Protein backbone atom coordinates (compact mmCIF):
# COMPACT_ATOMS: atom_id res chain seq x y z
CA UNK A 1 18.75 -5.35 17.50
CA UNK A 2 21.62 -3.66 19.26
CA UNK A 3 24.57 -5.20 21.02
CA UNK A 4 24.02 -8.30 23.20
CA UNK A 5 22.29 -8.03 26.59
CA UNK A 6 24.59 -6.99 29.45
CA UNK A 7 27.31 -5.88 27.02
CA UNK A 8 29.30 -2.79 27.96
CA UNK A 9 28.64 0.41 25.97
CA UNK A 10 30.19 0.65 22.51
CA UNK A 11 33.15 3.03 22.25
CA UNK A 12 33.53 4.17 18.64
CA UNK A 13 36.96 5.13 17.34
CA UNK A 14 38.01 6.72 14.08
CA UNK A 15 41.06 4.41 13.97
CA UNK A 16 38.98 1.26 13.42
CA UNK A 17 39.59 0.00 9.87
CA UNK A 18 36.73 -0.02 7.39
CA UNK A 19 36.91 -2.95 4.98
CA UNK A 20 35.05 -3.39 1.70
CA UNK A 21 34.46 -6.92 0.43
CA UNK A 22 32.85 -7.99 -2.83
CA UNK A 23 31.61 -11.22 -1.28
CA UNK A 24 32.07 -13.89 1.36
CA UNK A 25 34.29 -16.54 -0.22
CA UNK A 26 34.13 -19.21 2.43
CA UNK A 27 33.62 -20.23 6.02
CA UNK A 28 34.96 -22.94 8.26
CA UNK A 29 34.21 -24.10 11.76
CA UNK A 30 37.10 -24.55 14.14
CA UNK A 31 35.18 -24.99 17.38
CA UNK A 32 34.41 -22.79 19.16
CA UNK A 33 34.98 -20.28 16.35
CA UNK A 34 33.73 -19.62 12.83
CA UNK A 35 36.32 -18.36 10.34
CA UNK A 36 35.02 -16.21 7.47
CA UNK A 37 37.08 -15.26 4.42
CA UNK A 38 36.07 -12.18 2.42
CA UNK A 39 37.24 -11.36 -1.10
CA UNK A 40 37.45 -8.13 -3.06
CA UNK A 41 37.56 -7.83 -6.83
CA UNK A 42 40.74 -6.09 -7.99
CA UNK A 43 41.36 -4.77 -11.48
CA UNK A 44 44.84 -4.79 -13.03
CA UNK A 45 44.89 -1.86 -15.43
CA UNK A 46 48.46 -2.58 -16.52
CA UNK A 47 47.17 -5.25 -18.92
CA UNK A 48 44.99 -4.82 -22.01
CA UNK A 49 42.24 -5.64 -21.62
CA UNK A 50 42.33 -5.07 -17.84
CA UNK A 51 42.06 -8.29 -15.85
CA UNK A 52 40.01 -8.86 -12.74
CA UNK A 53 41.20 -11.04 -9.90
CA UNK A 54 39.74 -11.94 -6.54
CA UNK A 55 41.97 -11.06 -3.58
CA UNK A 56 41.40 -12.02 0.04
CA UNK A 57 40.84 -8.72 1.83
CA UNK A 58 39.68 -9.80 5.27
CA UNK A 59 39.57 -12.82 7.52
CA UNK A 60 37.06 -12.54 10.33
CA UNK A 61 36.92 -14.97 13.24
CA UNK A 62 33.77 -15.01 15.39
CA UNK A 63 32.67 -17.10 18.31
CA UNK A 64 29.60 -19.18 17.49
CA UNK A 65 27.36 -17.00 19.71
CA UNK A 66 28.70 -13.84 18.02
CA UNK A 67 28.09 -15.35 14.58
CA UNK A 68 24.54 -16.30 15.55
CA UNK A 69 23.92 -12.76 16.82
CA UNK A 70 25.28 -11.36 13.54
CA UNK A 71 22.93 -13.59 11.52
CA UNK A 72 19.91 -12.45 13.56
CA UNK A 73 20.96 -8.80 13.31
CA UNK A 74 21.47 -8.98 9.52
CA UNK A 75 18.17 -10.80 8.96
CA UNK A 76 16.27 -8.07 10.80
CA UNK A 77 18.28 -5.30 9.15
CA UNK A 78 17.69 -6.67 5.65
CA UNK A 79 14.00 -7.33 6.33
CA UNK A 80 13.61 -3.68 7.37
CA UNK A 81 15.56 -2.53 4.33
CA UNK A 82 13.27 -4.52 2.03
CA UNK A 83 10.23 -2.93 3.65
CA UNK A 84 11.65 0.48 2.89
CA UNK A 85 12.21 1.30 6.55
CA UNK A 86 15.90 2.04 5.90
CA UNK A 87 16.09 5.59 4.66
CA UNK A 88 19.06 7.60 3.50
CA UNK A 89 19.82 10.53 5.83
CA UNK A 90 18.81 13.99 4.59
CA UNK A 91 21.50 15.44 2.36
CA UNK A 92 23.43 12.15 2.16
CA UNK A 93 24.85 11.42 -1.31
CA UNK A 94 23.50 8.48 -3.30
CA UNK A 95 25.79 5.45 -3.22
């Protein structure tokens, strides 16, 4: 599934931030939007033993239709990945 029907073409930019999150910590509905809070595990190596804390790293707000589209997209993507249809590109390093 690509972008929604009748959507303008996607213009990719190298300046768009790339965020890593360990997990989705919570969601709330503030009609007409869904607010998602993502958390990343952070390690404090200044203590012995090092301590791990969870830090909010991203807050994403989506319209309900955009959230529904994301759910559909991820379900199809993950179903394909489980079937082995998602392949690593030739020469790409293992993650």
